[in-house]
Amino acid sequence: TFCAGMDLKAAARGEQVTVPGKGFAG
């Protein structure tokens, strides 16, 4: 599997899936 996108459970826990200057998934 390549990638199913953003982990919605992690996002719901408040995890940051963006990185400053690099955006989503770094």
mmCIF file of all heavy atoms, coordinates in Angstrom:
data_MODEL
# 
_entry.id   MODEL 
# 
loop_
_atom_site.group_PDB 
_atom_site.id 
_atom_site.type_symbol 
_atom_site.label_atom_id 
_atom_site.label_alt_id 
_atom_site.label_comp_id 
_atom_site.label_asym_id 
_atom_site.label_entity_id 
_atom_site.label_seq_id 
_atom_site.pdbx_PDB_ins_code 
_atom_site.Cartn_x 
_atom_site.Cartn_y 
_atom_site.Cartn_z 
_atom_site.occupancy 
_atom_site.B_iso_or_equiv 
_atom_site.pdbx_formal_charge 
_atom_site.auth_seq_id 
_atom_site.auth_comp_id 
_atom_site.auth_asym_id 
_atom_site.auth_atom_id 
_atom_site.pdbx_PDB_model_num 
ATOM 1   N N   . THR A 1 1  ? 0.850   -1.184 0.000  1.00 0.00 ? 1  THR A N   1 
ATOM 2   C CA  . THR A 1 1  ? 0.000   0.000  0.000  1.00 0.00 ? 1  THR A CA  1 
ATOM 3   C C   . THR A 1 1  ? 0.887   1.236  0.000  1.00 0.00 ? 1  THR A C   1 
ATOM 4   O O   . THR A 1 1  ? 1.853   1.299  0.767  1.00 0.00 ? 1  THR A O   1 
ATOM 5   C CB  . THR A 1 1  ? -0.913  0.048  1.236  1.00 0.00 ? 1  THR A CB  1 
ATOM 6   O OG1 . THR A 1 1  ? -1.826  -1.043 1.178  1.00 0.00 ? 1  THR A OG1 1 
ATOM 7   C CG2 . THR A 1 1  ? -1.707  1.352  1.290  1.00 0.00 ? 1  THR A CG2 1 
ATOM 8   N N   . PHE A 1 2  ? 0.566   2.196  -0.849 1.00 0.00 ? 2  PHE A N   1 
ATOM 9   C CA  . PHE A 1 2  ? 1.344   3.434  -0.870 1.00 0.00 ? 2  PHE A CA  1 
ATOM 10  C C   . PHE A 1 2  ? 0.982   4.295  0.339  1.00 0.00 ? 2  PHE A C   1 
ATOM 11  O O   . PHE A 1 2  ? 1.759   4.421  1.273  1.00 0.00 ? 2  PHE A O   1 
ATOM 12  C CB  . PHE A 1 2  ? 1.094   4.194  -2.176 1.00 0.00 ? 2  PHE A CB  1 
ATOM 13  C CG  . PHE A 1 2  ? 1.927   5.434  -2.311 1.00 0.00 ? 2  PHE A CG  1 
ATOM 14  C CD1 . PHE A 1 2  ? 3.302   5.360  -2.451 1.00 0.00 ? 2  PHE A CD1 1 
ATOM 15  C CD2 . PHE A 1 2  ? 1.326   6.689  -2.315 1.00 0.00 ? 2  PHE A CD2 1 
ATOM 16  C CE1 . PHE A 1 2  ? 4.080   6.501  -2.583 1.00 0.00 ? 2  PHE A CE1 1 
ATOM 17  C CE2 . PHE A 1 2  ? 2.095   7.841  -2.438 1.00 0.00 ? 2  PHE A CE2 1 
ATOM 18  C CZ  . PHE A 1 2  ? 3.467   7.753  -2.578 1.00 0.00 ? 2  PHE A CZ  1 
ATOM 19  N N   . CYS A 1 3  ? -0.226  4.847  0.353  1.00 0.00 ? 3  CYS A N   1 
ATOM 20  C CA  . CYS A 1 3  ? -0.636  5.690  1.478  1.00 0.00 ? 3  CYS A CA  1 
ATOM 21  C C   . CYS A 1 3  ? -2.129  5.953  1.380  1.00 0.00 ? 3  CYS A C   1 
ATOM 22  O O   . CYS A 1 3  ? -2.629  6.352  0.328  1.00 0.00 ? 3  CYS A O   1 
ATOM 23  C CB  . CYS A 1 3  ? 0.132   7.001  1.471  1.00 0.00 ? 3  CYS A CB  1 
ATOM 24  S SG  . CYS A 1 3  ? -0.369  8.163  2.766  1.00 0.00 ? 3  CYS A SG  1 
ATOM 25  N N   . ALA A 1 4  ? -2.838  5.749  2.498  1.00 0.00 ? 4  ALA A N   1 
ATOM 26  C CA  . ALA A 1 4  ? -4.278  5.977  2.543  1.00 0.00 ? 4  ALA A CA  1 
ATOM 27  C C   . ALA A 1 4  ? -4.624  7.409  2.920  1.00 0.00 ? 4  ALA A C   1 
ATOM 28  O O   . ALA A 1 4  ? -5.786  7.717  3.185  1.00 0.00 ? 4  ALA A O   1 
ATOM 29  C CB  . ALA A 1 4  ? -4.930  5.015  3.530  1.00 0.00 ? 4  ALA A CB  1 
ATOM 30  N N   . GLY A 1 5  ? -3.628  8.295  2.946  1.00 0.00 ? 5  GLY A N   1 
ATOM 31  C CA  . GLY A 1 5  ? -3.903  9.696  3.236  1.00 0.00 ? 5  GLY A CA  1 
ATOM 32  C C   . GLY A 1 5  ? -3.703  10.040 4.697  1.00 0.00 ? 5  GLY A C   1 
ATOM 33  O O   . GLY A 1 5  ? -2.948  9.390  5.412  1.00 0.00 ? 5  GLY A O   1 
ATOM 34  N N   . MET A 1 6  ? -4.389  11.058 5.141  1.00 0.00 ? 6  MET A N   1 
ATOM 35  C CA  . MET A 1 6  ? -4.267  11.507 6.523  1.00 0.00 ? 6  MET A CA  1 
ATOM 36  C C   . MET A 1 6  ? -4.916  10.509 7.469  1.00 0.00 ? 6  MET A C   1 
ATOM 37  O O   . MET A 1 6  ? -5.992  9.984  7.196  1.00 0.00 ? 6  MET A O   1 
ATOM 38  C CB  . MET A 1 6  ? -4.950  12.871 6.694  1.00 0.00 ? 6  MET A CB  1 
ATOM 39  C CG  . MET A 1 6  ? -4.895  13.440 8.100  1.00 0.00 ? 6  MET A CG  1 
ATOM 40  S SD  . MET A 1 6  ? -5.549  15.120 8.199  1.00 0.00 ? 6  MET A SD  1 
ATOM 41  C CE  . MET A 1 6  ? -7.269  14.869 7.745  1.00 0.00 ? 6  MET A CE  1 
ATOM 42  N N   . ASP A 1 7  ? -4.238  10.237 8.586  1.00 0.00 ? 7  ASP A N   1 
ATOM 43  C CA  . ASP A 1 7  ? -4.798  9.376  9.626  1.00 0.00 ? 7  ASP A CA  1 
ATOM 44  C C   . ASP A 1 7  ? -5.842  10.181 10.399 1.00 0.00 ? 7  ASP A C   1 
ATOM 45  O O   . ASP A 1 7  ? -5.508  11.047 11.207 1.00 0.00 ? 7  ASP A O   1 
ATOM 46  C CB  . ASP A 1 7  ? -3.678  8.910  10.565 1.00 0.00 ? 7  ASP A CB  1 
ATOM 47  C CG  . ASP A 1 7  ? -4.155  7.885  11.576 1.00 0.00 ? 7  ASP A CG  1 
ATOM 48  O OD1 . ASP A 1 7  ? -5.328  7.962  11.988 1.00 0.00 ? 7  ASP A OD1 1 
ATOM 49  O OD2 . ASP A 1 7  ? -3.348  7.025  11.965 1.00 0.00 ? 7  ASP A OD2 1 
ATOM 50  N N   . LEU A 1 8  ? -7.111  9.906  10.127 1.00 0.00 ? 8  LEU A N   1 
ATOM 51  C CA  . LEU A 1 8  ? -8.191  10.699 10.723 1.00 0.00 ? 8  LEU A CA  1 
ATOM 52  C C   . LEU A 1 8  ? -8.244  10.525 12.241 1.00 0.00 ? 8  LEU A C   1 
ATOM 53  O O   . LEU A 1 8  ? -8.577  11.468 12.961 1.00 0.00 ? 8  LEU A O   1 
ATOM 54  C CB  . LEU A 1 8  ? -9.529  10.310 10.091 1.00 0.00 ? 8  LEU A CB  1 
ATOM 55  C CG  . LEU A 1 8  ? -9.652  10.594 8.593  1.00 0.00 ? 8  LEU A CG  1 
ATOM 56  C CD1 . LEU A 1 8  ? -11.004 10.119 8.076  1.00 0.00 ? 8  LEU A CD1 1 
ATOM 57  C CD2 . LEU A 1 8  ? -9.464  12.069 8.299  1.00 0.00 ? 8  LEU A CD2 1 
ATOM 58  N N   . LYS A 1 9  ? -7.892  9.339  12.722 1.00 0.00 ? 9  LYS A N   1 
ATOM 59  C CA  . LYS A 1 9  ? -7.888  9.124  14.172 1.00 0.00 ? 9  LYS A CA  1 
ATOM 60  C C   . LYS A 1 9  ? -6.804  9.965  14.830 1.00 0.00 ? 9  LYS A C   1 
ATOM 61  O O   . LYS A 1 9  ? -7.011  10.545 15.895 1.00 0.00 ? 9  LYS A O   1 
ATOM 62  C CB  . LYS A 1 9  ? -7.682  7.642  14.483 1.00 0.00 ? 9  LYS A CB  1 
ATOM 63  C CG  . LYS A 1 9  ? -8.848  6.750  14.057 1.00 0.00 ? 9  LYS A CG  1 
ATOM 64  C CD  . LYS A 1 9  ? -8.573  5.302  14.410 1.00 0.00 ? 9  LYS A CD  1 
ATOM 65  C CE  . LYS A 1 9  ? -9.733  4.412  13.997 1.00 0.00 ? 9  LYS A CE  1 
ATOM 66  N NZ  . LYS A 1 9  ? -9.462  2.971  14.294 1.00 0.00 ? 9  LYS A NZ  1 
ATOM 67  N N   . ALA A 1 10 ? -5.647  10.033 14.187 1.00 0.00 ? 10 ALA A N   1 
ATOM 68  C CA  . ALA A 1 10 ? -4.564  10.854 14.725 1.00 0.00 ? 10 ALA A CA  1 
ATOM 69  C C   . ALA A 1 10 ? -4.946  12.327 14.709 1.00 0.00 ? 10 ALA A C   1 
ATOM 70  O O   . ALA A 1 10 ? -4.679  13.068 15.669 1.00 0.00 ? 10 ALA A O   1 
ATOM 71  C CB  . ALA A 1 10 ? -3.284  10.627 13.926 1.00 0.00 ? 10 ALA A CB  1 
ATOM 72  N N   . ALA A 1 11 ? -5.573  12.748 13.608 1.00 0.00 ? 11 ALA A N   1 
ATOM 73  C CA  . ALA A 1 11 ? -6.006  14.138 13.518 1.00 0.00 ? 11 ALA A CA  1 
ATOM 74  C C   . ALA A 1 11 ? -7.032  14.469 14.599 1.00 0.00 ? 11 ALA A C   1 
ATOM 75  O O   . ALA A 1 11 ? -7.008  15.545 15.196 1.00 0.00 ? 11 ALA A O   1 
ATOM 76  C CB  . ALA A 1 11 ? -6.577  14.422 12.136 1.00 0.00 ? 11 ALA A CB  1 
ATOM 77  N N   . ALA A 1 12 ? -7.916  13.507 14.880 1.00 0.00 ? 12 ALA A N   1 
ATOM 78  C CA  . ALA A 1 12 ? -8.929  13.722 15.918 1.00 0.00 ? 12 ALA A CA  1 
ATOM 79  C C   . ALA A 1 12 ? -8.298  13.844 17.299 1.00 0.00 ? 12 ALA A C   1 
ATOM 80  O O   . ALA A 1 12 ? -8.853  14.505 18.188 1.00 0.00 ? 12 ALA A O   1 
ATOM 81  C CB  . ALA A 1 12 ? -9.942  12.578 15.898 1.00 0.00 ? 12 ALA A CB  1 
ATOM 82  N N   . ARG A 1 13 ? -7.120  13.207 17.468 1.00 0.00 ? 13 ARG A N   1 
ATOM 83  C CA  . ARG A 1 13 ? -6.396  13.327 18.738 1.00 0.00 ? 13 ARG A CA  1 
ATOM 84  C C   . ARG A 1 13 ? -5.613  14.640 18.826 1.00 0.00 ? 13 ARG A C   1 
ATOM 85  O O   . ARG A 1 13 ? -4.976  14.921 19.838 1.00 0.00 ? 13 ARG A O   1 
ATOM 86  C CB  . ARG A 1 13 ? -5.413  12.162 18.895 1.00 0.00 ? 13 ARG A CB  1 
ATOM 87  C CG  . ARG A 1 13 ? -6.059  10.807 19.078 1.00 0.00 ? 13 ARG A CG  1 
ATOM 88  C CD  . ARG A 1 13 ? -5.044  9.778  19.534 1.00 0.00 ? 13 ARG A CD  1 
ATOM 89  N NE  . ARG A 1 13 ? -3.987  9.559  18.568 1.00 0.00 ? 13 ARG A NE  1 
ATOM 90  C CZ  . ARG A 1 13 ? -4.007  8.620  17.616 1.00 0.00 ? 13 ARG A CZ  1 
ATOM 91  N NH1 . ARG A 1 13 ? -5.066  7.830  17.497 1.00 0.00 ? 13 ARG A NH1 1 
ATOM 92  N NH2 . ARG A 1 13 ? -2.978  8.478  16.792 1.00 0.00 ? 13 ARG A NH2 1 
ATOM 93  N N   . GLY A 1 14 ? -5.650  15.410 17.762 1.00 0.00 ? 14 GLY A N   1 
ATOM 94  C CA  . GLY A 1 14 ? -4.950  16.684 17.758 1.00 0.00 ? 14 GLY A CA  1 
ATOM 95  C C   . GLY A 1 14 ? -3.542  16.617 17.218 1.00 0.00 ? 14 GLY A C   1 
ATOM 96  O O   . GLY A 1 14 ? -2.795  17.596 17.328 1.00 0.00 ? 14 GLY A O   1 
ATOM 97  N N   . GLU A 1 15 ? -3.155  15.482 16.636 1.00 0.00 ? 15 GLU A N   1 
ATOM 98  C CA  . GLU A 1 15 ? -1.807  15.374 16.092 1.00 0.00 ? 15 GLU A CA  1 
ATOM 99  C C   . GLU A 1 15 ? -1.652  16.275 14.871 1.00 0.00 ? 15 GLU A C   1 
ATOM 100 O O   . GLU A 1 15 ? -2.561  16.401 14.051 1.00 0.00 ? 15 GLU A O   1 
ATOM 101 C CB  . GLU A 1 15 ? -1.498  13.923 15.697 1.00 0.00 ? 15 GLU A CB  1 
ATOM 102 C CG  . GLU A 1 15 ? -1.358  12.984 16.877 1.00 0.00 ? 15 GLU A CG  1 
ATOM 103 C CD  . GLU A 1 15 ? -0.816  11.619 16.470 1.00 0.00 ? 15 GLU A CD  1 
ATOM 104 O OE1 . GLU A 1 15 ? -0.182  11.532 15.399 1.00 0.00 ? 15 GLU A OE1 1 
ATOM 105 O OE2 . GLU A 1 15 ? -1.023  10.659 17.220 1.00 0.00 ? 15 GLU A OE2 1 
ATOM 106 N N   . GLN A 1 16 ? -0.481  16.880 14.735 1.00 0.00 ? 16 GLN A N   1 
ATOM 107 C CA  . GLN A 1 16 ? -0.176  17.725 13.591 1.00 0.00 ? 16 GLN A CA  1 
ATOM 108 C C   . GLN A 1 16 ? 0.395   16.874 12.463 1.00 0.00 ? 16 GLN A C   1 
ATOM 109 O O   . GLN A 1 16 ? 1.431   16.234 12.633 1.00 0.00 ? 16 GLN A O   1 
ATOM 110 C CB  . GLN A 1 16 ? 0.823   18.814 13.983 1.00 0.00 ? 16 GLN A CB  1 
ATOM 111 C CG  . GLN A 1 16 ? 0.265   19.853 14.925 1.00 0.00 ? 16 GLN A CG  1 
ATOM 112 C CD  . GLN A 1 16 ? -0.864  20.653 14.292 1.00 0.00 ? 16 GLN A CD  1 
ATOM 113 O OE1 . GLN A 1 16 ? -0.784  21.054 13.130 1.00 0.00 ? 16 GLN A OE1 1 
ATOM 114 N NE2 . GLN A 1 16 ? -1.930  20.847 15.052 1.00 0.00 ? 16 GLN A NE2 1 
ATOM 115 N N   . VAL A 1 17 ? -0.295  16.856 11.334 1.00 0.00 ? 17 VAL A N   1 
ATOM 116 C CA  . VAL A 1 17 ? 0.178   16.081 10.186 1.00 0.00 ? 17 VAL A CA  1 
ATOM 117 C C   . VAL A 1 17 ? 0.795   16.992 9.128  1.00 0.00 ? 17 VAL A C   1 
ATOM 118 O O   . VAL A 1 17 ? 1.068   16.563 8.013  1.00 0.00 ? 17 VAL A O   1 
ATOM 119 C CB  . VAL A 1 17 ? -0.953  15.233 9.577  1.00 0.00 ? 17 VAL A CB  1 
ATOM 120 C CG1 . VAL A 1 17 ? -1.397  14.171 10.561 1.00 0.00 ? 17 VAL A CG1 1 
ATOM 121 C CG2 . VAL A 1 17 ? -2.127  16.105 9.159  1.00 0.00 ? 17 VAL A CG2 1 
ATOM 122 N N   . THR A 1 18 ? 0.997   18.265 9.499  1.00 0.00 ? 18 THR A N   1 
ATOM 123 C CA  . THR A 1 18 ? 1.725   19.190 8.636  1.00 0.00 ? 18 THR A CA  1 
ATOM 124 C C   . THR A 1 18 ? 3.015   19.607 9.337  1.00 0.00 ? 18 THR A C   1 
ATOM 125 O O   . THR A 1 18 ? 3.111   19.557 10.563 1.00 0.00 ? 18 THR A O   1 
ATOM 126 C CB  . THR A 1 18 ? 0.902   20.447 8.315  1.00 0.00 ? 18 THR A CB  1 
ATOM 127 O OG1 . THR A 1 18 ? 0.633   21.155 9.527  1.00 0.00 ? 18 THR A OG1 1 
ATOM 128 C CG2 . THR A 1 18 ? -0.422  20.073 7.641  1.00 0.00 ? 18 THR A CG2 1 
ATOM 129 N N   . VAL A 1 19 ? 3.987   20.004 8.549  1.00 0.00 ? 19 VAL A N   1 
ATOM 130 C CA  . VAL A 1 19 ? 5.286   20.439 9.067  1.00 0.00 ? 19 VAL A CA  1 
ATOM 131 C C   . VAL A 1 19 ? 5.538   21.853 8.559  1.00 0.00 ? 19 VAL A C   1 
ATOM 132 O O   . VAL A 1 19 ? 5.403   22.101 7.345  1.00 0.00 ? 19 VAL A O   1 
ATOM 133 C CB  . VAL A 1 19 ? 6.418   19.501 8.607  1.00 0.00 ? 19 VAL A CB  1 
ATOM 134 C CG1 . VAL A 1 19 ? 7.774   20.011 9.049  1.00 0.00 ? 19 VAL A CG1 1 
ATOM 135 C CG2 . VAL A 1 19 ? 6.176   18.093 9.147  1.00 0.00 ? 19 VAL A CG2 1 
ATOM 136 N N   . PRO A 1 20 ? 5.871   22.789 9.427  1.00 0.00 ? 20 PRO A N   1 
ATOM 137 C CA  . PRO A 1 20 ? 6.106   24.164 8.978  1.00 0.00 ? 20 PRO A CA  1 
ATOM 138 C C   . PRO A 1 20 ? 7.102   24.239 7.827  1.00 0.00 ? 20 PRO A C   1 
ATOM 139 O O   . PRO A 1 20 ? 8.172   23.646 7.879  1.00 0.00 ? 20 PRO A O   1 
ATOM 140 C CB  . PRO A 1 20 ? 6.656   24.852 10.233 1.00 0.00 ? 20 PRO A CB  1 
ATOM 141 C CG  . PRO A 1 20 ? 6.058   24.083 11.371 1.00 0.00 ? 20 PRO A CG  1 
ATOM 142 C CD  . PRO A 1 20 ? 6.025   22.661 10.900 1.00 0.00 ? 20 PRO A CD  1 
ATOM 143 N N   . GLY A 1 21 ? 6.713   24.948 6.783  1.00 0.00 ? 21 GLY A N   1 
ATOM 144 C CA  . GLY A 1 21 ? 7.574   25.109 5.620  1.00 0.00 ? 21 GLY A CA  1 
ATOM 145 C C   . GLY A 1 21 ? 7.517   23.969 4.627  1.00 0.00 ? 21 GLY A C   1 
ATOM 146 O O   . GLY A 1 21 ? 7.980   24.111 3.494  1.00 0.00 ? 21 GLY A O   1 
ATOM 147 N N   . LYS A 1 22 ? 6.946   22.825 5.047  1.00 0.00 ? 22 LYS A N   1 
ATOM 148 C CA  . LYS A 1 22 ? 6.883   21.664 4.149  1.00 0.00 ? 22 LYS A CA  1 
ATOM 149 C C   . LYS A 1 22 ? 5.458   21.174 3.915  1.00 0.00 ? 22 LYS A C   1 
ATOM 150 O O   . LYS A 1 22 ? 5.220   20.342 3.051  1.00 0.00 ? 22 LYS A O   1 
ATOM 151 C CB  . LYS A 1 22 ? 7.744   20.522 4.688  1.00 0.00 ? 22 LYS A CB  1 
ATOM 152 C CG  . LYS A 1 22 ? 9.248   20.828 4.684  1.00 0.00 ? 22 LYS A CG  1 
ATOM 153 C CD  . LYS A 1 22 ? 10.036  19.616 5.129  1.00 0.00 ? 22 LYS A CD  1 
ATOM 154 C CE  . LYS A 1 22 ? 11.532  19.827 4.971  1.00 0.00 ? 22 LYS A CE  1 
ATOM 155 N NZ  . LYS A 1 22 ? 12.057  20.844 5.876  1.00 0.00 ? 22 LYS A NZ  1 
ATOM 156 N N   . GLY A 1 23 ? 4.504   21.643 4.716  1.00 0.00 ? 23 GLY A N   1 
ATOM 157 C CA  . GLY A 1 23 ? 3.108   21.298 4.488  1.00 0.00 ? 23 GLY A CA  1 
ATOM 158 C C   . GLY A 1 23 ? 2.729   19.906 4.928  1.00 0.00 ? 23 GLY A C   1 
ATOM 159 O O   . GLY A 1 23 ? 3.419   19.273 5.743  1.00 0.00 ? 23 GLY A O   1 
ATOM 160 N N   . PHE A 1 24 ? 1.602   19.416 4.386  1.00 0.00 ? 24 PHE A N   1 
ATOM 161 C CA  . PHE A 1 24 ? 1.086   18.098 4.753  1.00 0.00 ? 24 PHE A CA  1 
ATOM 162 C C   . PHE A 1 24 ? 2.139   17.027 4.526  1.00 0.00 ? 24 PHE A C   1 
ATOM 163 O O   . PHE A 1 24 ? 2.835   17.000 3.506  1.00 0.00 ? 24 PHE A O   1 
ATOM 164 C CB  . PHE A 1 24 ? -0.168  17.777 3.930  1.00 0.00 ? 24 PHE A CB  1 
ATOM 165 C CG  . PHE A 1 24 ? -0.637  16.353 4.083  1.00 0.00 ? 24 PHE A CG  1 
ATOM 166 C CD1 . PHE A 1 24 ? -1.249  15.945 5.250  1.00 0.00 ? 24 PHE A CD1 1 
ATOM 167 C CD2 . PHE A 1 24 ? -0.430  15.425 3.069  1.00 0.00 ? 24 PHE A CD2 1 
ATOM 168 C CE1 . PHE A 1 24 ? -1.657  14.623 5.409  1.00 0.00 ? 24 PHE A CE1 1 
ATOM 169 C CE2 . PHE A 1 24 ? -0.837  14.115 3.217  1.00 0.00 ? 24 PHE A CE2 1 
ATOM 170 C CZ  . PHE A 1 24 ? -1.456  13.715 4.394  1.00 0.00 ? 24 PHE A CZ  1 
ATOM 171 N N   . ALA A 1 25 ? 2.271   16.138 5.500  1.00 0.00 ? 25 ALA A N   1 
ATOM 172 C CA  . ALA A 1 25 ? 3.171   14.989 5.438  1.00 0.00 ? 25 ALA A CA  1 
ATOM 173 C C   . ALA A 1 25 ? 4.637   15.388 5.275  1.00 0.00 ? 25 ALA A C   1 
ATOM 174 O O   . ALA A 1 25 ? 5.465   14.565 4.885  1.00 0.00 ? 25 ALA A O   1 
ATOM 175 C CB  . ALA A 1 25 ? 2.763   14.034 4.317  1.00 0.00 ? 25 ALA A CB  1 
ATOM 176 N N   . GLY A 1 26 ? 4.945   16.641 5.575  1.00 0.00 ? 26 GLY A N   1 
ATOM 177 C CA  . GLY A 1 26 ? 6.334   17.076 5.491  1.00 0.00 ? 26 GLY A CA  1 
ATOM 178 C C   . GLY A 1 26 ? 6.888   17.148 4.092  1.00 0.00 ? 26 GLY A C   1 
ATOM 179 O O   . GLY A 1 26 ? 8.110   17.197 3.905  1.00 0.00 ? 26 GLY A O   1 
# 
